Structure formats: C-alpha cells, structure tokens
C-alpha atoms as a PDB file:
ATOM      1  CA  MET A   1     124.270 120.277 116.746  1.00  0.00           C
ATOM      2  CA  MET A   2     122.413 118.986 119.810  1.00  0.00           C
ATOM      3  CA  ARG A   3     119.359 121.066 118.834  1.00  0.00           C
ATOM      4  CA  ILE A   4     119.414 119.609 115.315  1.00  0.00           C
ATOM      5  CA  ALA A   5     119.724 116.069 116.696  1.00  0.00           C
ATOM      6  CA  ALA A   6     116.879 116.668 119.156  1.00  0.00           C
ATOM      7  CA  PHE A   7     114.675 118.060 116.374  1.00  0.00           C
ATOM      8  CA  ALA A   8     115.449 115.098 114.115  1.00  0.00           C
ATOM      9  CA  PHE A   9     114.680 112.637 116.912  1.00  0.00           C
ATOM     10  CA  GLY A  10     111.403 114.419 117.663  1.00  0.00           C
ATOM     11  CA  ALA A  11     110.364 114.317 114.011  1.00  0.00           C
ATOM     12  CA  LEU A  12     111.208 110.615 113.810  1.00  0.00           C
ATOM     13  CA  LEU A  13     109.226 109.904 117.002  1.00  0.00           C
ATOM     14  CA  MET A  14     106.190 111.781 115.663  1.00  0.00           C
ATOM     15  CA  THR A  15     106.360 109.851 112.379  1.00  0.00           C
ATOM     16  CA  CYS A  16     106.440 106.545 114.278  1.00  0.00           C
ATOM     17  CA  CYS A  17     103.487 107.575 116.439  1.00  0.00           C
ATOM     18  CA  LEU A  18     101.466 108.526 113.366  1.00  0.00           C
ATOM     19  CA  ALA A  19     102.266 105.179 111.772  1.00  0.00           C
ATOM     20  CA  VAL A  20     101.105 103.339 114.887  1.00  0.00           C
ATOM     21  CA  ALA A  21      97.895 105.381 115.032  1.00  0.00           C
ATOM     22  CA  GLN A  22      97.136 104.648 111.370  1.00  0.00           C
ATOM     23  CA  THR A  23      97.584 100.909 111.829  1.00  0.00           C
ATOM     24  CA  ASN A  24      96.012 100.641 115.291  1.00  0.00           C
ATOM     25  CA  PRO A  25      93.010  98.288 114.842  1.00  0.00           C
ATOM     26  CA  SER A  26      91.214  99.844 117.801  1.00  0.00           C
ATOM     27  CA  ALA A  27      91.336 103.381 116.389  1.00  0.00           C
ATOM     28  CA  ALA A  28      87.884 104.940 116.052  1.00  0.00           C
ATOM     29  CA  PRO A  29      86.461 104.595 112.523  1.00  0.00           C
ATOM     30  CA  ALA A  30      85.686 107.696 110.504  1.00  0.00           C
ATOM     31  CA  GLY A  31      82.301 108.574 109.047  1.00  0.00           C
ATOM     32  CA  PRO A  32      78.818 109.699 110.099  1.00  0.00           C
ATOM     33  CA  ALA A  33      76.906 107.827 112.785  1.00  0.00           C
ATOM     34  CA  LEU A  34      74.535 105.032 111.797  1.00  0.00           C
ATOM     35  CA  ASN A  35      70.973 106.344 111.822  1.00  0.00           C
ATOM     36  CA  VAL A  36      69.374 103.377 113.598  1.00  0.00           C
ATOM     37  CA  PRO A  37      67.711 103.729 117.025  1.00  0.00           C
ATOM     38  CA  GLY A  38      69.383 102.136 120.027  1.00  0.00           C
ATOM     39  CA  ASP A  39      68.075  98.697 121.053  1.00  0.00           C
ATOM     40  CA  THR A  40      67.298  97.785 117.432  1.00  0.00           C
ATOM     41  CA  VAL A  41      68.090  94.156 116.608  1.00  0.00           C
ATOM     42  CA  ILE A  42      69.907  93.516 113.310  1.00  0.00           C
ATOM     43  CA  LEU A  43      70.159  89.977 111.951  1.00  0.00           C
ATOM     44  CA  ALA A  44      73.340  88.984 110.138  1.00  0.00           C
ATOM     45  CA  LYS A  45      75.628  86.103 109.222  1.00  0.00           C
ATOM     46  CA  LEU A  46      79.364  85.636 109.713  1.00  0.00           C
ATOM     47  CA  MET A  47      81.343  86.087 106.501  1.00  0.00           C
ATOM     48  CA  THR A  48      84.402  83.962 107.362  1.00  0.00           C
ATOM     49  CA  ASN A  49      85.268  80.956 109.502  1.00  0.00           C
ATOM     50  CA  LEU A  50      86.304  82.069 113.000  1.00  0.00           C
ATOM     51  CA  ASP A  51      88.343  79.751 115.233  1.00  0.00           C
ATOM     52  CA  LEU A  52      88.105  81.368 118.666  1.00  0.00           C
ATOM     53  CA  GLN A  53      90.990  79.322 120.051  1.00  0.00           C
ATOM     54  CA  HIS A  54      93.374  80.837 117.503  1.00  0.00           C
ATOM     55  CA  CYS A  55      92.131  84.436 117.299  1.00  0.00           C
ATOM     56  CA  ALA A  56      94.639  87.261 117.676  1.00  0.00           C
ATOM     57  CA  VAL A  57      94.231  90.876 118.731  1.00  0.00           C
ATOM     58  CA  GLY A  58      93.584  92.968 115.635  1.00  0.00           C
ATOM     59  CA  ASP A  59      91.948  90.195 113.592  1.00  0.00           C
ATOM     60  CA  GLN A  60      89.064  91.583 111.566  1.00  0.00           C
ATOM     61  CA  VAL A  61      85.547  90.187 111.965  1.00  0.00           C
ATOM     62  CA  GLU A  62      82.897  90.839 109.317  1.00  0.00           C
ATOM     63  CA  ALA A  63      79.218  89.972 109.213  1.00  0.00           C
ATOM     64  CA  GLN A  64      76.593  90.672 106.558  1.00  0.00           C
ATOM     65  CA  THR A  65      73.025  91.671 107.312  1.00  0.00           C
ATOM     66  CA  THR A  66      70.454  89.088 106.222  1.00  0.00           C
ATOM     67  CA  SER A  67      67.370  91.315 106.572  1.00  0.00           C
ATOM     68  CA  ASP A  68      66.368  94.924 106.025  1.00  0.00           C
ATOM     69  CA  ALA A  69      66.197  96.816 109.314  1.00  0.00           C
ATOM     70  CA  LYS A  70      63.112  99.035 109.150  1.00  0.00           C
ATOM     71  CA  GLN A  71      61.269 101.560 111.245  1.00  0.00           C
ATOM     72  CA  GLY A  72      57.735 101.617 109.959  1.00  0.00           C
ATOM     73  CA  LYS A  73      58.096 101.675 106.183  1.00  0.00           C
ATOM     74  CA  GLU A  74      61.510 103.343 106.272  1.00  0.00           C
ATOM     75  CA  VAL A  75      64.505 101.117 105.565  1.00  0.00           C
ATOM     76  CA  LEU A  76      67.243 102.101 108.007  1.00  0.00           C
ATOM     77  CA  LEU A  77      69.810  99.506 106.930  1.00  0.00           C
ATOM     78  CA  LYS A  78      69.488  97.311 103.865  1.00  0.00           C
ATOM     79  CA  LYS A  79      70.043  93.593 103.605  1.00  0.00           C
ATOM     80  CA  GLY A  80      73.585  92.849 102.411  1.00  0.00           C
ATOM     81  CA  SER A  81      75.271  95.628 104.411  1.00  0.00           C
ATOM     82  CA  SER A  82      78.527  94.794 106.210  1.00  0.00           C
ATOM     83  CA  ILE A  83      78.978  95.015 109.975  1.00  0.00           C
ATOM     84  CA  LEU A  84      82.671  95.436 110.738  1.00  0.00           C
ATOM     85  CA  GLY A  85      84.579  94.680 113.908  1.00  0.00           C
ATOM     86  CA  HIS A  86      87.837  93.329 115.251  1.00  0.00           C
ATOM     87  CA  ILE A  87      89.341  91.368 118.137  1.00  0.00           C
ATOM     88  CA  VAL A  88      90.470  93.625 120.977  1.00  0.00           C
ATOM     89  CA  SER A  89      91.419  91.034 123.594  1.00  0.00           C
ATOM     90  CA  VAL A  90      92.208  87.328 123.828  1.00  0.00           C
ATOM     91  CA  GLN A  91      92.423  85.578 127.214  1.00  0.00           C
ATOM     92  CA  PRO A  92      93.391  81.886 127.197  1.00  0.00           C
ATOM     93  CA  ALA A  93      92.395  79.678 130.097  1.00  0.00           C
ATOM     94  CA  THR A  94      94.920  79.469 132.940  1.00  0.00           C
ATOM     95  CA  ALA A  95      95.356  77.522 136.156  1.00  0.00           C
ATOM     96  CA  ASN A  96      93.458  80.287 137.959  1.00  0.00           C
ATOM     97  CA  GLN A  97      90.950  81.027 135.184  1.00  0.00           C
ATOM     98  CA  ALA A  98      89.018  78.027 133.849  1.00  0.00           C
ATOM     99  CA  SER A  99      87.459  79.749 130.846  1.00  0.00           C
ATOM    100  CA  SER A 100      88.936  81.261 127.707  1.00  0.00           C
ATOM    101  CA  SER A 101      87.519  84.443 126.224  1.00  0.00           C
ATOM    102  CA  VAL A 102      87.644  86.566 123.098  1.00  0.00           C
ATOM    103  CA  VAL A 103      86.518  90.200 123.195  1.00  0.00           C
ATOM    104  CA  MET A 104      85.208  91.864 120.033  1.00  0.00           C
ATOM    105  CA  LEU A 105      84.397  95.457 119.162  1.00  0.00           C
ATOM    106  CA  PHE A 106      81.915  96.146 116.352  1.00  0.00           C
ATOM    107  CA  ASP A 107      82.113  99.825 115.523  1.00  0.00           C
ATOM    108  CA  SER A 108      81.172 100.420 111.894  1.00  0.00           C
ATOM    109  CA  VAL A 109      78.693  99.498 109.182  1.00  0.00           C
ATOM    110  CA  LYS A 110      79.386  99.588 105.460  1.00  0.00           C
ATOM    111  CA  SER A 111      76.562  99.880 102.938  1.00  0.00           C
ATOM    112  CA  LYS A 112      75.870 101.534  99.585  1.00  0.00           C
ATOM    113  CA  ALA A 113      75.542 104.791 101.543  1.00  0.00           C
ATOM    114  CA  GLY A 114      79.167 104.470 102.665  1.00  0.00           C
ATOM    115  CA  THR A 115      80.815 103.614 105.973  1.00  0.00           C
ATOM    116  CA  GLN A 116      79.068 104.732 109.149  1.00  0.00           C
ATOM    117  CA  THR A 117      80.152 104.521 112.766  1.00  0.00           C
ATOM    118  CA  ALA A 118      78.068 102.448 115.156  1.00  0.00           C
ATOM    119  CA  GLN A 119      78.119 100.595 118.453  1.00  0.00           C
ATOM    120  CA  LEU A 120      76.823  97.059 118.099  1.00  0.00           C
ATOM    121  CA  VAL A 121      77.075  94.024 120.353  1.00  0.00           C
ATOM    122  CA  ILE A 122      76.311  90.369 119.778  1.00  0.00           C
ATOM    123  CA  ARG A 123      72.936  89.530 121.338  1.00  0.00           C
ATOM    124  CA  ALA A 124      72.539  85.963 120.032  1.00  0.00           C
ATOM    125  CA  LEU A 125      74.426  83.296 118.081  1.00  0.00           C
ATOM    126  CA  ALA A 126      73.394  80.095 116.309  1.00  0.00           C
ATOM    127  CA  PRO A 127      74.699  77.888 113.479  1.00  0.00           C
ATOM    128  CA  GLU A 128      73.526  78.504 109.929  1.00  0.00           C
ATOM    129  CA  SER A 129      69.808  77.892 109.678  1.00  0.00           C
ATOM    130  CA  GLU A 130      68.243  75.435 107.260  1.00  0.00           C
ATOM    131  CA  ALA A 131      64.967  77.326 107.392  1.00  0.00           C
ATOM    132  CA  PRO A 132      64.338  80.371 105.156  1.00  0.00           C
ATOM    133  CA  SER A 133      64.577  83.679 106.992  1.00  0.00           C
ATOM    134  CA  THR A 134      62.248  86.619 106.614  1.00  0.00           C
ATOM    135  CA  SER A 135      63.409  89.564 104.531  1.00  0.00           C
ATOM    136  CA  THR A 136      62.615  92.293 107.037  1.00  0.00           C
ATOM    137  CA  ILE A 137      63.059  92.971 110.735  1.00  0.00           C
ATOM    138  CA  ALA A 138      60.808  95.839 111.747  1.00  0.00           C
ATOM    139  CA  GLY A 139      61.077  97.573 115.095  1.00  0.00           C
ATOM    140  CA  GLY A 140      63.106  94.805 116.734  1.00  0.00           C
ATOM    141  CA  ARG A 141      64.080  95.726 120.275  1.00  0.00           C
ATOM    142  CA  GLY A 142      66.333  94.041 122.803  1.00  0.00           C
ATOM    143  CA  MET A 143      68.050  94.827 126.065  1.00  0.00           C
ATOM    144  CA  SER A 144      68.396  98.352 127.319  1.00  0.00           C
ATOM    145  CA  GLY A 145      71.218 100.290 125.727  1.00  0.00           C
ATOM    146  CA  GLU A 146      72.183 101.461 129.207  1.00  0.00           C
ATOM    147  CA  ASP A 147      73.309  97.993 130.296  1.00  0.00           C
ATOM    148  CA  THR A 148      77.049  97.992 130.921  1.00  0.00           C
ATOM    149  CA  HIS A 149      77.544  94.373 131.915  1.00  0.00           C
ATOM    150  CA  ALA A 150      74.720  92.122 130.814  1.00  0.00           C
ATOM    151  CA  GLY A 151      75.113  88.376 130.772  1.00  0.00           C
ATOM    152  CA  LEU A 152      73.190  86.525 128.078  1.00  0.00           C
ATOM    153  CA  SER A 153      72.200  83.068 129.208  1.00  0.00           C
ATOM    154  CA  SER A 154      72.287  80.144 126.835  1.00  0.00           C
ATOM    155  CA  GLY A 155      68.954  79.284 125.278  1.00  0.00           C
ATOM    156  CA  ASP A 156      67.535  76.834 122.768  1.00  0.00           C
ATOM    157  CA  HIS A 157      65.590  78.696 120.114  1.00  0.00           C
ATOM    158  CA  ALA A 158      65.590  75.794 117.673  1.00  0.00           C
ATOM    159  CA  GLU A 159      62.530  75.034 115.652  1.00  0.00           C
ATOM    160  CA  THR A 160      61.313  71.470 116.059  1.00  0.00           C
ATOM    161  CA  GLY A 161      63.467  69.199 113.931  1.00  0.00           C
ATOM    162  CA  GLY A 162      65.514  72.050 112.441  1.00  0.00           C
ATOM    163  CA  VAL A 163      68.527  74.270 112.958  1.00  0.00           C
ATOM    164  CA  PRO A 164      67.864  77.360 115.131  1.00  0.00           C
ATOM    165  CA  ARG A 165      66.744  80.446 113.252  1.00  0.00           C
ATOM    166  CA  LEU A 166      67.394  83.707 115.030  1.00  0.00           C
ATOM    167  CA  ASN A 167      64.845  86.495 115.138  1.00  0.00           C
ATOM    168  CA  ALA A 168      64.431  89.877 116.808  1.00  0.00           C
ATOM    169  CA  SER A 169      63.600  88.224 120.137  1.00  0.00           C
ATOM    170  CA  SER A 170      66.510  85.758 120.219  1.00  0.00           C
ATOM    171  CA  VAL A 171      68.917  85.995 123.148  1.00  0.00           C
ATOM    172  CA  GLY A 172      71.967  83.920 124.017  1.00  0.00           C
ATOM    173  CA  VAL A 173      73.566  80.953 122.271  1.00  0.00           C
ATOM    174  CA  ALA A 174      71.687  78.130 120.538  1.00  0.00           C
ATOM    175  CA  GLY A 175      73.247  75.066 118.955  1.00  0.00           C
ATOM    176  CA  ILE A 176      76.838  75.891 119.986  1.00  0.00           C
ATOM    177  CA  PRO A 177      77.429  73.953 123.249  1.00  0.00           C
ATOM    178  CA  GLY A 178      79.740  75.488 125.830  1.00  0.00           C
ATOM    179  CA  LEU A 179      79.744  79.030 124.416  1.00  0.00           C
ATOM    180  CA  ASP A 180      78.465  82.027 126.382  1.00  0.00           C
ATOM    181  CA  ILE A 181      77.971  85.692 125.452  1.00  0.00           C
ATOM    182  CA  GLU A 182      78.431  88.692 127.694  1.00  0.00           C
ATOM    183  CA  ILE A 183      78.281  92.435 127.068  1.00  0.00           C
ATOM    184  CA  GLN A 184      80.806  94.670 128.780  1.00  0.00           C
ATOM    185  CA  LYS A 185      81.610  98.360 128.740  1.00  0.00           C
ATOM    186  CA  SER A 186      85.227  99.394 128.265  1.00  0.00           C
ATOM    187  CA  THR A 187      86.941 102.101 130.283  1.00  0.00           C
ATOM    188  CA  THR A 188      86.506 104.415 127.277  1.00  0.00           C
ATOM    189  CA  GLY A 189      82.774 103.760 127.021  1.00  0.00           C
ATOM    190  CA  GLU A 190      82.744 101.307 124.116  1.00  0.00           C
ATOM    191  CA  ARG A 191      80.346  98.339 124.263  1.00  0.00           C
ATOM    192  CA  LEU A 192      82.177  95.050 123.823  1.00  0.00           C
ATOM    193  CA  SER A 193      81.021  91.526 122.966  1.00  0.00           C
ATOM    194  CA  VAL A 194      82.690  88.848 125.099  1.00  0.00           C
ATOM    195  CA  LEU A 195      82.587  85.217 123.956  1.00  0.00           C
ATOM    196  CA  SER A 196      83.750  82.722 126.576  1.00  0.00           C
ATOM    197  CA  TRP A 197      84.021  78.940 126.873  1.00  0.00           C
ATOM    198  CA  SER A 198      85.600  76.487 129.272  1.00  0.00           C
ATOM    199  CA  LYS A 199      86.214  73.363 127.196  1.00  0.00           C
ATOM    200  CA  GLY A 200      87.434  72.501 123.721  1.00  0.00           C
ATOM    201  CA  ASP A 201      87.980  74.688 120.702  1.00  0.00           C
ATOM    202  CA  ILE A 202      84.950  76.717 119.618  1.00  0.00           C
ATOM    203  CA  LYS A 203      84.798  77.244 115.864  1.00  0.00           C
ATOM    204  CA  LEU A 204      82.215  79.551 114.325  1.00  0.00           C
ATOM    205  CA  LYS A 205      81.710  78.596 110.692  1.00  0.00           C
ATOM    206  CA  LYS A 206      81.007  80.980 107.850  1.00  0.00           C
ATOM    207  CA  SER A 207      77.274  81.837 107.752  1.00  0.00           C
ATOM    208  CA  THR A 208      76.903  81.439 111.531  1.00  0.00           C
ATOM    209  CA  GLN A 209      73.829  83.473 112.488  1.00  0.00           C
ATOM    210  CA  ILE A 210      74.326  86.593 114.581  1.00  0.00           C
ATOM    211  CA  ALA A 211      71.748  88.868 116.121  1.00  0.00           C
ATOM    212  CA  PHE A 212      73.318  92.259 116.792  1.00  0.00           C
ATOM    213  CA  LEU A 213      71.935  94.856 119.185  1.00  0.00           C
ATOM    214  CA  VAL A 214      72.468  98.527 118.334  1.00  0.00           C
ATOM    215  CA  MET A 215      73.675 100.440 121.372  1.00  0.00           C
ATOM    216  CA  GLN A 216      72.892 104.072 122.017  1.00  0.00           C
END
C-alpha cells in the first residue's frame, strides 16, 4: 500500500512539475536560431502600452520591426516581424535603493519563416517619431556582443524641431526623461535589458521606438 501511495505521489509531483515548466515564462523558446550576425542593430516599435511602474514578472513584451535588416542585398529579417520578450524581474525603489528597475529578456523572433530563437537587448529608446523612417537597415553594428554589463548613457538624438528618430547608430534614451538602459548578463548566460528610473512613473506608449542589438 505504501509503495502504491509513494508511486501515486511521485506521479502527481511529476505532473505538477511539467505543468510549471510549460507555463514558466522564462523557459527557453523552441525553434532554430535567428540567422542574423551578432552586433546587428534592428529597429522596431513597441506594440502595446507599457507602464513600467505596474509591470509584473511574466508579462509579455512585443515589438515589431520597422525596417528590413539586411546584409548586403540579403534580407535577414523582414519589416513587420515580431520580437518577443517578457519581464523577468521587477525591483521597486526602497529606502536603501533609490531607483526602480524592470528587467526584460528578449529571446525569440516571429516572422513568416516561423519562430526563431535569439538573444536581443535594448540599445536605444525614444518616443514615436514624427519623421518618416527608412525602409532598410544594412550592416548596422553596435556594442560588442561580449559585453556583459554595459551601461548606455542617456543621449539626445532628436532632429531639430522634431521627435527623435532612432537609427543604427543610436544609443541610450532620447525624449524619455529619467529613464536609463543597462545590459546585464544573467547567471545562466542570457543577455538582459534593464530599464531603471528614480522618479515618477515611466510609461512607454505603443509605437515607442526601440533599437535592438543582436547578441552573439
């Protein structure tokens, strides 16, 4: 009887563990790797409103590419593809920690070719641009893919009299006061995007510009 009970308990425990693994938002995505060289910059826009003050671990974050990523004449990733990520950590400000932070992991890309695994980090952010963007980013390169903890300083990349328009050389945050970006490496080797701020409630509206950096 005790053996039967132990077997039943073991089966139940395994079923629960499988259920947790299937719903774990940080589980590695399935699919082939994205065929885009490391250090390539991919321009995109946020697909939903994102209130950083009220984010929760597991919340999904989706962006859509706004340009073709090309190498020479070859299109590596088409405009309109989805870059998928989720919130992995939320740290509110405390008496001992003046800034709040939200950590994101972007680990897959969805296009007409299917879903592919990738490691991408946020290189630059800016509000939606009023200026028309180009249709192609060719050979865009950014920081070294070997960086494990690279701070991105704030910068004003705004065109005179207009809203900032990100390009392959953009770095940091423009037009969103008080927000900083940092790249960190997790204990399991994943590259993470860390957004931090010390005052107020930072809200990223739908169509916020994002420049992603492909990590090796």
